[in-house]
Amino acid sequence: MSESDLGFFVLLARRESFVETAREIGITASAVSRRLARLEDRLGVRLMNRTTRRVSLTGEGEAYFSKAILLLGEIEELEHSLRSGQEMPSGLLRINATFGFSREYIAPAASAFREVYPEVEVQLVVSDAPMNLIEKGFDLGIRFGNSPTSNLTQRLLQRNRRFMCASPAYLKRYGEPASLHDLSRHNCIVLRQEYDVYDIWRFDDRSGESPSARVKGGLSTNDGEMAREWMLGGQGIMLRSEWDIAHHVREGRLRVVLPEYFQTANISAIYPERHRLTAKVRVFVDLLSERLRAANLSAPFQIRNADLKRAGRIRK
């Protein structure tokens, strides 16, 4: 087993195509097929199922792929430990993050990073739900409130909470909920994400309780910005991060309802343990953190009592 065979197999498993793999490494599709056949002959197992257009992993192939990812990571970590501590960022940096936060903060940071470190190729992949960093070959993920697994490292970038809010027009028309139970008679805008139970809103513990509310409404989507625009347009109540709603609250376009109920959803950089000291990850995360601080996000990220009083939500 050689490192080149591992890298070849991992690439083919990710591309799921002889043609795309061949194009990437500069050989013919038939040469890719022959190389896979030689690897399977040497191992004595079938690693991939072939069709006319795609290839897919067999059970043995899945096991080989998982181990190959780990071994390649260990090789990369070993090579990095032998390089100078003054290593400059270089190579491919693959980042996974959510749509809205990427547009607002990650994409500008990536552009600035490339200006300083042109040897780095940044690939930003946005998704409505977090992707598996290791299986999908990402160096870095930006997550909201998700705890890392044992083989992932987390660095806090910004404290953040999610509040329920609605437009003044909606609240004037339908009234404000006085309790979580009242949400059942309101139109709630539901954000559907792949791994979440979307119709139950769960909130931080209060006095040993774990409050929650089952919600429903006529509008749902997996796009947070679209849902926010519905909310601004008076279509219902939504649970949304304060980084995204704070300026709307201050300017009177949104009002927070039931502010005593919220979800903690801190924003963190998540990366595989083996990338902890790689220059491209370390320097980009430092840059992103510095840009967030320079933008003075600590104020707009926090909906303070004064803001809630102006919004009419804290009773004297």
C-alpha atoms as a PDB file:
ATOM      1  CA  MET A   1       0.000   0.000   0.000  1.00  0.00           C
ATOM      2  CA  SER A   2       1.538   3.356  -1.022  1.00  0.00           C
ATOM      3  CA  GLU A   3       0.514   6.896  -0.234  1.00  0.00           C
ATOM      4  CA  SER A   4      -0.078   7.501  -3.948  1.00  0.00           C
ATOM      5  CA  ASP A   5      -2.544   4.586  -4.082  1.00  0.00           C
ATOM      6  CA  LEU A   6      -4.376   5.950  -1.044  1.00  0.00           C
ATOM      7  CA  GLY A   7      -4.600   9.419  -2.542  1.00  0.00           C
ATOM      8  CA  PHE A   8      -5.780   8.027  -5.879  1.00  0.00           C
ATOM      9  CA  PHE A   9      -8.491   5.922  -4.257  1.00  0.00           C
ATOM     10  CA  VAL A  10      -9.735   8.755  -2.035  1.00  0.00           C
ATOM     11  CA  LEU A  11      -9.947  11.075  -5.033  1.00  0.00           C
ATOM     12  CA  LEU A  12     -11.868   8.509  -7.083  1.00  0.00           C
ATOM     13  CA  ALA A  13     -14.244   7.821  -4.169  1.00  0.00           C
ATOM     14  CA  ARG A  14     -15.004  11.522  -3.812  1.00  0.00           C
ATOM     15  CA  ARG A  15     -15.429  12.200  -7.538  1.00  0.00           C
ATOM     16  CA  GLU A  16     -17.412   8.971  -8.141  1.00  0.00           C
ATOM     17  CA  SER A  17     -16.356   9.121 -11.792  1.00  0.00           C
ATOM     18  CA  PHE A  18     -13.494   7.731 -13.894  1.00  0.00           C
ATOM     19  CA  VAL A  19     -13.769  10.720 -16.240  1.00  0.00           C
ATOM     20  CA  GLU A  20     -13.649  13.404 -13.541  1.00  0.00           C
ATOM     21  CA  THR A  21     -10.802  11.657 -11.731  1.00  0.00           C
ATOM     22  CA  ALA A  22      -8.861  11.273 -14.968  1.00  0.00           C
ATOM     23  CA  ARG A  23      -9.330  14.956 -15.774  1.00  0.00           C
ATOM     24  CA  GLU A  24      -8.047  15.984 -12.353  1.00  0.00           C
ATOM     25  CA  ILE A  25      -4.857  13.891 -12.376  1.00  0.00           C
ATOM     26  CA  GLY A  26      -4.138  14.213 -16.086  1.00  0.00           C
ATOM     27  CA  ILE A  27      -4.563  10.654 -17.388  1.00  0.00           C
ATOM     28  CA  THR A  28      -7.224   8.830 -19.378  1.00  0.00           C
ATOM     29  CA  ALA A  29     -10.386   7.339 -17.905  1.00  0.00           C
ATOM     30  CA  SER A  30      -9.284   3.879 -19.029  1.00  0.00           C
ATOM     31  CA  ALA A  31      -6.011   4.357 -17.144  1.00  0.00           C
ATOM     32  CA  VAL A  32      -8.006   5.205 -14.011  1.00  0.00           C
ATOM     33  CA  SER A  33     -10.058   2.029 -14.470  1.00  0.00           C
ATOM     34  CA  ARG A  34      -6.932  -0.097 -14.904  1.00  0.00           C
ATOM     35  CA  ARG A  35      -5.297   1.421 -11.847  1.00  0.00           C
ATOM     36  CA  LEU A  36      -8.358   0.679  -9.728  1.00  0.00           C
ATOM     37  CA  ALA A  37      -8.391  -2.903 -11.042  1.00  0.00           C
ATOM     38  CA  ARG A  38      -4.703  -3.365 -10.101  1.00  0.00           C
ATOM     39  CA  LEU A  39      -5.408  -2.041  -6.593  1.00  0.00           C
ATOM     40  CA  GLU A  40      -8.349  -4.417  -6.186  1.00  0.00           C
ATOM     41  CA  ASP A  41      -6.289  -7.358  -7.495  1.00  0.00           C
ATOM     42  CA  ARG A  42      -3.539  -6.645  -4.997  1.00  0.00           C
ATOM     43  CA  LEU A  43      -5.984  -6.400  -2.092  1.00  0.00           C
ATOM     44  CA  GLY A  44      -8.101  -9.321  -3.257  1.00  0.00           C
ATOM     45  CA  VAL A  45     -11.426  -7.474  -2.781  1.00  0.00           C
ATOM     46  CA  ARG A  46     -13.775  -5.410  -4.911  1.00  0.00           C
ATOM     47  CA  LEU A  47     -13.659  -1.809  -3.712  1.00  0.00           C
ATOM     48  CA  MET A  48     -16.077  -0.172  -6.145  1.00  0.00           C
ATOM     49  CA  ASN A  49     -19.168  -0.968  -8.155  1.00  0.00           C
ATOM     50  CA  ARG A  50     -19.047   0.312 -11.751  1.00  0.00           C
ATOM     51  CA  THR A  51     -21.828   1.659 -13.934  1.00  0.00           C
ATOM     52  CA  THR A  52     -21.593   3.348 -17.313  1.00  0.00           C
ATOM     53  CA  ARG A  53     -21.460   6.779 -15.695  1.00  0.00           C
ATOM     54  CA  ARG A  54     -20.518   6.505 -12.015  1.00  0.00           C
ATOM     55  CA  VAL A  55     -18.682   4.369  -9.500  1.00  0.00           C
ATOM     56  CA  SER A  56     -19.761   3.730  -5.921  1.00  0.00           C
ATOM     57  CA  LEU A  57     -18.100   2.169  -2.894  1.00  0.00           C
ATOM     58  CA  THR A  58     -18.736  -1.408  -1.863  1.00  0.00           C
ATOM     59  CA  GLY A  59     -18.793  -2.328   1.808  1.00  0.00           C
ATOM     60  CA  GLU A  60     -15.087  -3.173   1.650  1.00  0.00           C
ATOM     61  CA  GLY A  61     -14.503   0.077  -0.239  1.00  0.00           C
ATOM     62  CA  GLU A  62     -16.214   2.092   2.509  1.00  0.00           C
ATOM     63  CA  ALA A  63     -13.902   0.564   5.117  1.00  0.00           C
ATOM     64  CA  TYR A  64     -10.831   1.151   2.934  1.00  0.00           C
ATOM     65  CA  PHE A  65     -11.899   4.767   2.266  1.00  0.00           C
ATOM     66  CA  SER A  66     -12.351   5.564   5.974  1.00  0.00           C
ATOM     67  CA  LYS A  67      -8.941   4.143   6.858  1.00  0.00           C
ATOM     68  CA  ALA A  68      -7.293   5.847   3.889  1.00  0.00           C
ATOM     69  CA  ILE A  69      -8.593   9.248   5.064  1.00  0.00           C
ATOM     70  CA  LEU A  70      -7.089   8.690   8.501  1.00  0.00           C
ATOM     71  CA  LEU A  71      -3.740   7.463   7.153  1.00  0.00           C
ATOM     72  CA  LEU A  72      -3.401  10.370   4.723  1.00  0.00           C
ATOM     73  CA  GLY A  73      -4.134  12.740   7.576  1.00  0.00           C
ATOM     74  CA  GLU A  74      -1.439  11.144   9.723  1.00  0.00           C
ATOM     75  CA  ILE A  75       1.058  11.402   6.862  1.00  0.00           C
ATOM     76  CA  GLU A  76       0.178  15.071   6.376  1.00  0.00           C
ATOM     77  CA  GLU A  77       0.582  15.732  10.101  1.00  0.00           C
ATOM     78  CA  LEU A  78       3.954  13.977  10.149  1.00  0.00           C
ATOM     79  CA  GLU A  79       5.220  15.971   7.191  1.00  0.00           C
ATOM     80  CA  HIS A  80       4.002  19.180   8.742  1.00  0.00           C
ATOM     81  CA  SER A  81       5.818  18.453  12.013  1.00  0.00           C
ATOM     82  CA  LEU A  82       9.071  18.161  10.065  1.00  0.00           C
ATOM     83  CA  ARG A  83       8.650  21.505   8.317  1.00  0.00           C
ATOM     84  CA  SER A  84       9.771  24.836   9.698  1.00  0.00           C
ATOM     85  CA  GLY A  85       7.588  26.544  12.263  1.00  0.00           C
ATOM     86  CA  GLN A  86       7.664  29.578   9.958  1.00  0.00           C
ATOM     87  CA  GLU A  87       5.738  27.747   7.234  1.00  0.00           C
ATOM     88  CA  MET A  88       3.726  30.031   4.976  1.00  0.00           C
ATOM     89  CA  PRO A  89       0.119  29.114   4.140  1.00  0.00           C
ATOM     90  CA  SER A  90      -0.140  27.283   0.827  1.00  0.00           C
ATOM     91  CA  GLY A  91      -2.176  24.642  -0.963  1.00  0.00           C
ATOM     92  CA  LEU A  92      -5.937  24.048  -1.002  1.00  0.00           C
ATOM     93  CA  LEU A  93      -8.047  25.309   1.915  1.00  0.00           C
ATOM     94  CA  ARG A  94     -11.564  23.808   1.850  1.00  0.00           C
ATOM     95  CA  ILE A  95     -14.142  25.524   4.089  1.00  0.00           C
ATOM     96  CA  ASN A  96     -17.741  24.570   4.841  1.00  0.00           C
ATOM     97  CA  ALA A  97     -20.150  27.138   6.294  1.00  0.00           C
ATOM     98  CA  THR A  98     -23.781  28.237   6.178  1.00  0.00           C
ATOM     99  CA  PHE A  99     -25.185  30.420   3.399  1.00  0.00           C
ATOM    100  CA  GLY A 100     -25.953  33.694   5.169  1.00  0.00           C
ATOM    101  CA  PHE A 101     -22.907  33.876   7.418  1.00  0.00           C
ATOM    102  CA  SER A 102     -20.683  32.935   4.471  1.00  0.00           C
ATOM    103  CA  ARG A 103     -22.002  35.802   2.355  1.00  0.00           C
ATOM    104  CA  GLU A 104     -21.693  38.295   5.198  1.00  0.00           C
ATOM    105  CA  TYR A 105     -18.362  37.303   6.741  1.00  0.00           C
ATOM    106  CA  ILE A 106     -16.604  34.185   5.407  1.00  0.00           C
ATOM    107  CA  ALA A 107     -16.455  35.177   1.738  1.00  0.00           C
ATOM    108  CA  PRO A 108     -14.945  38.644   2.445  1.00  0.00           C
ATOM    109  CA  ALA A 109     -12.428  37.065   4.823  1.00  0.00           C
ATOM    110  CA  ALA A 110     -11.468  34.485   2.177  1.00  0.00           C
ATOM    111  CA  SER A 111     -10.918  37.242  -0.369  1.00  0.00           C
ATOM    112  CA  ALA A 112      -8.709  39.193   2.035  1.00  0.00           C
ATOM    113  CA  PHE A 113      -6.804  36.016   2.915  1.00  0.00           C
ATOM    114  CA  ARG A 114      -6.052  35.351  -0.764  1.00  0.00           C
ATOM    115  CA  GLU A 115      -4.731  38.892  -1.180  1.00  0.00           C
ATOM    116  CA  VAL A 116      -2.126  38.255   1.505  1.00  0.00           C
ATOM    117  CA  TYR A 117      -1.447  34.565   0.720  1.00  0.00           C
ATOM    118  CA  PRO A 118      -1.837  34.014  -3.049  1.00  0.00           C
ATOM    119  CA  GLU A 119      -0.300  30.535  -2.768  1.00  0.00           C
ATOM    120  CA  VAL A 120      -3.493  29.339  -1.081  1.00  0.00           C
ATOM    121  CA  GLU A 121      -6.500  28.211  -3.137  1.00  0.00           C
ATOM    122  CA  VAL A 122      -9.640  28.778  -1.071  1.00  0.00           C
ATOM    123  CA  GLN A 123     -12.694  26.635  -1.803  1.00  0.00           C
ATOM    124  CA  LEU A 124     -15.777  27.753   0.143  1.00  0.00           C
ATOM    125  CA  VAL A 125     -18.668  25.286   0.074  1.00  0.00           C
ATOM    126  CA  VAL A 126     -21.916  26.593   1.572  1.00  0.00           C
ATOM    127  CA  SER A 127     -24.708  24.318   2.809  1.00  0.00           C
ATOM    128  CA  ASP A 128     -27.857  24.644   4.882  1.00  0.00           C
ATOM    129  CA  ALA A 129     -26.621  21.923   7.275  1.00  0.00           C
ATOM    130  CA  PRO A 130     -23.067  21.100   8.409  1.00  0.00           C
ATOM    131  CA  MET A 131     -21.224  18.600   6.238  1.00  0.00           C
ATOM    132  CA  ASN A 132     -18.950  15.820   7.525  1.00  0.00           C
ATOM    133  CA  LEU A 133     -15.559  17.509   7.464  1.00  0.00           C
ATOM    134  CA  ILE A 134     -13.474  14.359   7.422  1.00  0.00           C
ATOM    135  CA  GLU A 135     -15.470  12.319   4.921  1.00  0.00           C
ATOM    136  CA  LYS A 136     -15.870  15.279   2.554  1.00  0.00           C
ATOM    137  CA  GLY A 137     -12.242  16.361   2.858  1.00  0.00           C
ATOM    138  CA  PHE A 138     -12.776  19.794   4.448  1.00  0.00           C
ATOM    139  CA  ASP A 139     -10.025  21.561   6.369  1.00  0.00           C
ATOM    140  CA  LEU A 140     -12.360  23.845   8.280  1.00  0.00           C
ATOM    141  CA  GLY A 141     -16.030  24.276   9.159  1.00  0.00           C
ATOM    142  CA  ILE A 142     -17.831  27.258  10.684  1.00  0.00           C
ATOM    143  CA  ARG A 143     -20.589  25.984  12.947  1.00  0.00           C
ATOM    144  CA  PHE A 144     -23.359  27.407  15.119  1.00  0.00           C
ATOM    145  CA  GLY A 145     -23.737  25.692  18.479  1.00  0.00           C
ATOM    146  CA  ASN A 146     -22.618  22.223  17.368  1.00  0.00           C
ATOM    147  CA  SER A 147     -20.232  20.415  19.684  1.00  0.00           C
ATOM    148  CA  PRO A 148     -17.341  18.718  17.888  1.00  0.00           C
ATOM    149  CA  THR A 149     -16.865  14.970  17.836  1.00  0.00           C
ATOM    150  CA  SER A 150     -13.799  13.455  19.482  1.00  0.00           C
ATOM    151  CA  ASN A 151     -11.631  13.845  16.363  1.00  0.00           C
ATOM    152  CA  LEU A 152     -12.513  17.513  15.806  1.00  0.00           C
ATOM    153  CA  THR A 153     -11.130  20.640  17.441  1.00  0.00           C
ATOM    154  CA  GLN A 154     -13.250  23.706  18.229  1.00  0.00           C
ATOM    155  CA  ARG A 155     -12.276  27.367  18.590  1.00  0.00           C
ATOM    156  CA  LEU A 156     -14.855  29.933  19.689  1.00  0.00           C
ATOM    157  CA  LEU A 157     -15.155  32.849  17.253  1.00  0.00           C
ATOM    158  CA  GLN A 158     -18.184  34.748  18.564  1.00  0.00           C
ATOM    159  CA  ARG A 159     -20.833  34.320  21.211  1.00  0.00           C
ATOM    160  CA  ASN A 160     -24.325  34.148  19.734  1.00  0.00           C
ATOM    161  CA  ARG A 161     -27.915  33.373  20.699  1.00  0.00           C
ATOM    162  CA  ARG A 162     -31.132  32.725  18.778  1.00  0.00           C
ATOM    163  CA  PHE A 163     -34.261  34.697  19.690  1.00  0.00           C
ATOM    164  CA  MET A 164     -37.858  34.589  18.529  1.00  0.00           C
ATOM    165  CA  CYS A 165     -38.884  37.715  16.681  1.00  0.00           C
ATOM    166  CA  ALA A 166     -41.478  39.133  14.307  1.00  0.00           C
ATOM    167  CA  SER A 167     -42.250  42.341  12.458  1.00  0.00           C
ATOM    168  CA  PRO A 168     -44.326  45.064  14.158  1.00  0.00           C
ATOM    169  CA  ALA A 169     -46.936  44.657  11.399  1.00  0.00           C
ATOM    170  CA  TYR A 170     -47.414  40.969  12.214  1.00  0.00           C
ATOM    171  CA  LEU A 171     -47.643  41.614  15.953  1.00  0.00           C
ATOM    172  CA  LYS A 172     -50.123  44.452  15.437  1.00  0.00           C
ATOM    173  CA  ARG A 173     -52.327  42.160  13.379  1.00  0.00           C
ATOM    174  CA  TYR A 174     -52.106  38.971  15.459  1.00  0.00           C
ATOM    175  CA  GLY A 175     -50.904  40.124  18.881  1.00  0.00           C
ATOM    176  CA  GLU A 176     -47.860  39.047  20.866  1.00  0.00           C
ATOM    177  CA  PRO A 177     -47.510  35.620  22.471  1.00  0.00           C
ATOM    178  CA  ALA A 178     -47.448  35.897  26.253  1.00  0.00           C
ATOM    179  CA  SER A 179     -46.131  32.348  26.745  1.00  0.00           C
ATOM    180  CA  LEU A 180     -44.623  29.490  24.769  1.00  0.00           C
ATOM    181  CA  HIS A 181     -48.061  27.870  24.718  1.00  0.00           C
ATOM    182  CA  ASP A 182     -49.390  30.870  22.767  1.00  0.00           C
ATOM    183  CA  LEU A 183     -47.106  30.021  19.855  1.00  0.00           C
ATOM    184  CA  SER A 184     -49.526  27.273  18.861  1.00  0.00           C
ATOM    185  CA  ARG A 185     -51.998  29.903  17.615  1.00  0.00           C
ATOM    186  CA  HIS A 186     -49.361  31.857  15.694  1.00  0.00           C
ATOM    187  CA  ASN A 187     -47.942  31.448  12.221  1.00  0.00           C
ATOM    188  CA  CYS A 188     -44.329  30.405  12.766  1.00  0.00           C
ATOM    189  CA  ILE A 189     -41.803  30.477   9.943  1.00  0.00           C
ATOM    190  CA  VAL A 190     -40.018  27.146  10.013  1.00  0.00           C
ATOM    191  CA  LEU A 191     -36.408  26.682   8.976  1.00  0.00           C
ATOM    192  CA  ARG A 192     -35.968  23.097   7.806  1.00  0.00           C
ATOM    193  CA  GLN A 193     -32.464  21.722   8.190  1.00  0.00           C
ATOM    194  CA  GLU A 194     -31.380  18.220   7.386  1.00  0.00           C
ATOM    195  CA  TYR A 195     -30.492  16.895  10.827  1.00  0.00           C
ATOM    196  CA  ASP A 196     -32.825  18.953  13.015  1.00  0.00           C
ATOM    197  CA  VAL A 197     -36.364  18.365  14.262  1.00  0.00           C
ATOM    198  CA  TYR A 198     -37.696  21.471  12.574  1.00  0.00           C
ATOM    199  CA  ASP A 199     -41.160  21.818  14.162  1.00  0.00           C
ATOM    200  CA  ILE A 200     -40.001  21.826  17.801  1.00  0.00           C
ATOM    201  CA  TRP A 201     -38.145  24.862  19.140  1.00  0.00           C
ATOM    202  CA  ARG A 202     -36.030  23.961  22.176  1.00  0.00           C
ATOM    203  CA  PHE A 203     -34.595  26.627  24.457  1.00  0.00           C
ATOM    204  CA  ASP A 204     -31.820  26.890  27.034  1.00  0.00           C
ATOM    205  CA  ASP A 205     -32.554  25.450  30.459  1.00  0.00           C
ATOM    206  CA  ARG A 206     -34.282  27.790  32.914  1.00  0.00           C
ATOM    207  CA  SER A 207     -34.307  26.856  36.603  1.00  0.00           C
ATOM    208  CA  GLY A 208     -33.732  23.202  35.829  1.00  0.00           C
ATOM    209  CA  GLU A 209     -36.384  23.074  33.104  1.00  0.00           C
ATOM    210  CA  SER A 210     -35.894  22.415  29.394  1.00  0.00           C
ATOM    211  CA  PRO A 211     -38.586  24.552  27.754  1.00  0.00           C
ATOM    212  CA  SER A 212     -39.749  23.793  24.224  1.00  0.00           C
ATOM    213  CA  ALA A 213     -42.634  24.579  21.905  1.00  0.00           C
ATOM    214  CA  ARG A 214     -44.129  22.748  18.952  1.00  0.00           C
ATOM    215  CA  VAL A 215     -44.666  25.234  16.134  1.00  0.00           C
ATOM    216  CA  LYS A 216     -46.419  25.288  12.789  1.00  0.00           C
ATOM    217  CA  GLY A 217     -47.002  27.687   9.955  1.00  0.00           C
ATOM    218  CA  GLY A 218     -47.707  28.059   6.284  1.00  0.00           C
ATOM    219  CA  LEU A 219     -44.153  28.932   5.234  1.00  0.00           C
ATOM    220  CA  SER A 220     -40.996  26.853   5.598  1.00  0.00           C
ATOM    221  CA  THR A 221     -37.654  26.702   3.807  1.00  0.00           C
ATOM    222  CA  ASN A 222     -34.073  25.528   4.203  1.00  0.00           C
ATOM    223  CA  ASP A 223     -32.754  29.018   3.330  1.00  0.00           C
ATOM    224  CA  GLY A 224     -32.362  31.241   6.375  1.00  0.00           C
ATOM    225  CA  GLU A 225     -32.198  34.506   4.436  1.00  0.00           C
ATOM    226  CA  MET A 226     -35.414  33.740   2.604  1.00  0.00           C
ATOM    227  CA  ALA A 227     -37.110  32.922   5.909  1.00  0.00           C
ATOM    228  CA  ARG A 228     -35.831  36.178   7.414  1.00  0.00           C
ATOM    229  CA  GLU A 229     -37.298  38.158   4.503  1.00  0.00           C
ATOM    230  CA  TRP A 230     -40.669  36.477   5.081  1.00  0.00           C
ATOM    231  CA  MET A 231     -40.439  37.509   8.718  1.00  0.00           C
ATOM    232  CA  LEU A 232     -39.562  41.103   7.810  1.00  0.00           C
ATOM    233  CA  GLY A 233     -42.519  41.055   5.439  1.00  0.00           C
ATOM    234  CA  GLY A 234     -44.930  40.301   8.284  1.00  0.00           C
ATOM    235  CA  GLN A 235     -45.517  36.599   7.577  1.00  0.00           C
ATOM    236  CA  GLY A 236     -44.876  35.230  11.058  1.00  0.00           C
ATOM    237  CA  ILE A 237     -42.606  34.568  14.033  1.00  0.00           C
ATOM    238  CA  MET A 238     -39.148  33.104  13.483  1.00  0.00           C
ATOM    239  CA  LEU A 239     -36.286  31.827  15.631  1.00  0.00           C
ATOM    240  CA  ARG A 240     -33.163  33.577  14.311  1.00  0.00           C
ATOM    241  CA  SER A 241     -29.566  34.315  15.346  1.00  0.00           C
ATOM    242  CA  GLU A 242     -28.954  37.685  16.952  1.00  0.00           C
ATOM    243  CA  TRP A 243     -26.022  38.441  14.622  1.00  0.00           C
ATOM    244  CA  ASP A 244     -28.580  38.509  11.818  1.00  0.00           C
ATOM    245  CA  ILE A 245     -31.459  40.306  13.539  1.00  0.00           C
ATOM    246  CA  ALA A 246     -29.855  42.771  15.987  1.00  0.00           C
ATOM    247  CA  HIS A 247     -29.663  45.684  13.547  1.00  0.00           C
ATOM    248  CA  HIS A 248     -33.259  45.039  12.432  1.00  0.00           C
ATOM    249  CA  VAL A 249     -34.360  45.165  16.091  1.00  0.00           C
ATOM    250  CA  ARG A 250     -32.485  48.421  16.674  1.00  0.00           C
ATOM    251  CA  GLU A 251     -33.988  50.011  13.583  1.00  0.00           C
ATOM    252  CA  GLY A 252     -37.503  48.922  14.526  1.00  0.00           C
ATOM    253  CA  ARG A 253     -38.116  46.472  11.685  1.00  0.00           C
ATOM    254  CA  LEU A 254     -38.274  43.508  14.075  1.00  0.00           C
ATOM    255  CA  ARG A 255     -39.312  42.999  17.682  1.00  0.00           C
ATOM    256  CA  VAL A 256     -38.100  40.226  19.964  1.00  0.00           C
ATOM    257  CA  VAL A 257     -40.912  38.202  21.558  1.00  0.00           C
ATOM    258  CA  LEU A 258     -40.566  36.211  24.775  1.00  0.00           C
ATOM    259  CA  PRO A 259     -36.895  37.308  25.144  1.00  0.00           C
ATOM    260  CA  GLU A 260     -36.460  35.146  28.244  1.00  0.00           C
ATOM    261  CA  TYR A 261     -36.470  32.139  25.914  1.00  0.00           C
ATOM    262  CA  PHE A 262     -33.443  31.727  23.651  1.00  0.00           C
ATOM    263  CA  GLN A 263     -30.977  29.173  22.291  1.00  0.00           C
ATOM    264  CA  THR A 264     -27.232  29.500  22.794  1.00  0.00           C
ATOM    265  CA  ALA A 265     -25.668  29.027  19.377  1.00  0.00           C
ATOM    266  CA  ASN A 266     -22.077  30.241  19.610  1.00  0.00           C
ATOM    267  CA  ILE A 267     -20.137  30.539  16.370  1.00  0.00           C
ATOM    268  CA  SER A 268     -17.034  28.347  16.239  1.00  0.00           C
ATOM    269  CA  ALA A 269     -14.331  27.222  13.883  1.00  0.00           C
ATOM    270  CA  ILE A 270     -14.251  23.418  13.709  1.00  0.00           C
ATOM    271  CA  TYR A 271     -11.392  21.467  12.176  1.00  0.00           C
ATOM    272  CA  PRO A 272      -9.895  17.974  12.252  1.00  0.00           C
ATOM    273  CA  GLU A 273      -7.321  17.555  15.005  1.00  0.00           C
ATOM    274  CA  ARG A 274      -4.542  16.927  12.491  1.00  0.00           C
ATOM    275  CA  HIS A 275      -5.062  20.436  11.024  1.00  0.00           C
ATOM    276  CA  ARG A 276      -4.615  22.147  14.381  1.00  0.00           C
ATOM    277  CA  LEU A 277      -1.149  23.472  13.520  1.00  0.00           C
ATOM    278  CA  THR A 278      -1.283  23.700   9.724  1.00  0.00           C
ATOM    279  CA  ALA A 279      -0.499  27.231   8.617  1.00  0.00           C
ATOM    280  CA  LYS A 280      -3.372  27.615   6.145  1.00  0.00           C
ATOM    281  CA  VAL A 281      -5.997  26.744   8.796  1.00  0.00           C
ATOM    282  CA  ARG A 282      -4.331  28.522  11.697  1.00  0.00           C
ATOM    283  CA  VAL A 283      -3.730  31.762   9.827  1.00  0.00           C
ATOM    284  CA  PHE A 284      -7.176  31.866   8.198  1.00  0.00           C
ATOM    285  CA  VAL A 285      -8.952  31.300  11.521  1.00  0.00           C
ATOM    286  CA  ASP A 286      -6.802  34.017  13.104  1.00  0.00           C
ATOM    287  CA  LEU A 287      -7.658  36.381  10.259  1.00  0.00           C
ATOM    288  CA  LEU A 288     -11.376  35.645  10.473  1.00  0.00           C
ATOM    289  CA  SER A 289     -11.370  36.135  14.238  1.00  0.00           C
ATOM    290  CA  GLU A 290      -9.524  39.451  13.886  1.00  0.00           C
ATOM    291  CA  ARG A 291     -11.936  40.702  11.221  1.00  0.00           C
ATOM    292  CA  LEU A 292     -14.924  39.883  13.420  1.00  0.00           C
ATOM    293  CA  ARG A 293     -13.375  41.784  16.305  1.00  0.00           C
ATOM    294  CA  ALA A 294     -12.433  44.720  14.062  1.00  0.00           C
ATOM    295  CA  ALA A 295     -16.022  44.911  12.827  1.00  0.00           C
ATOM    296  CA  ASN A 296     -17.056  45.461  16.472  1.00  0.00           C
ATOM    297  CA  LEU A 297     -19.456  42.561  16.320  1.00  0.00           C
ATOM    298  CA  SER A 298     -19.592  42.217  20.085  1.00  0.00           C
ATOM    299  CA  ALA A 299     -22.259  44.941  20.178  1.00  0.00           C
ATOM    300  CA  PRO A 300     -24.530  43.877  17.290  1.00  0.00           C
ATOM    301  CA  PHE A 301     -24.213  40.230  18.265  1.00  0.00           C
ATOM    302  CA  GLN A 302     -25.665  40.941  21.701  1.00  0.00           C
ATOM    303  CA  ILE A 303     -29.277  42.044  22.090  1.00  0.00           C
ATOM    304  CA  ARG A 304     -28.994  43.942  25.329  1.00  0.00           C
ATOM    305  CA  ASN A 305     -31.678  44.944  27.832  1.00  0.00           C
ATOM    306  CA  ALA A 306     -31.688  48.489  26.469  1.00  0.00           C
ATOM    307  CA  ASP A 307     -32.503  47.187  22.991  1.00  0.00           C
ATOM    308  CA  LEU A 308     -35.285  45.017  24.324  1.00  0.00           C
ATOM    309  CA  LYS A 309     -36.770  47.921  26.264  1.00  0.00           C
ATOM    310  CA  ARG A 310     -36.803  50.027  23.109  1.00  0.00           C
ATOM    311  CA  ALA A 311     -38.528  47.113  21.388  1.00  0.00           C
ATOM    312  CA  GLY A 312     -41.123  47.077  24.202  1.00  0.00           C
ATOM    313  CA  ARG A 313     -40.310  43.569  25.441  1.00  0.00           C
ATOM    314  CA  ILE A 314     -39.042  44.136  28.996  1.00  0.00           C
ATOM    315  CA  ARG A 315     -41.781  45.077  31.419  1.00  0.00           C
ATOM    316  CA  LYS A 316     -41.011  47.286  34.400  1.00  0.00           C
END
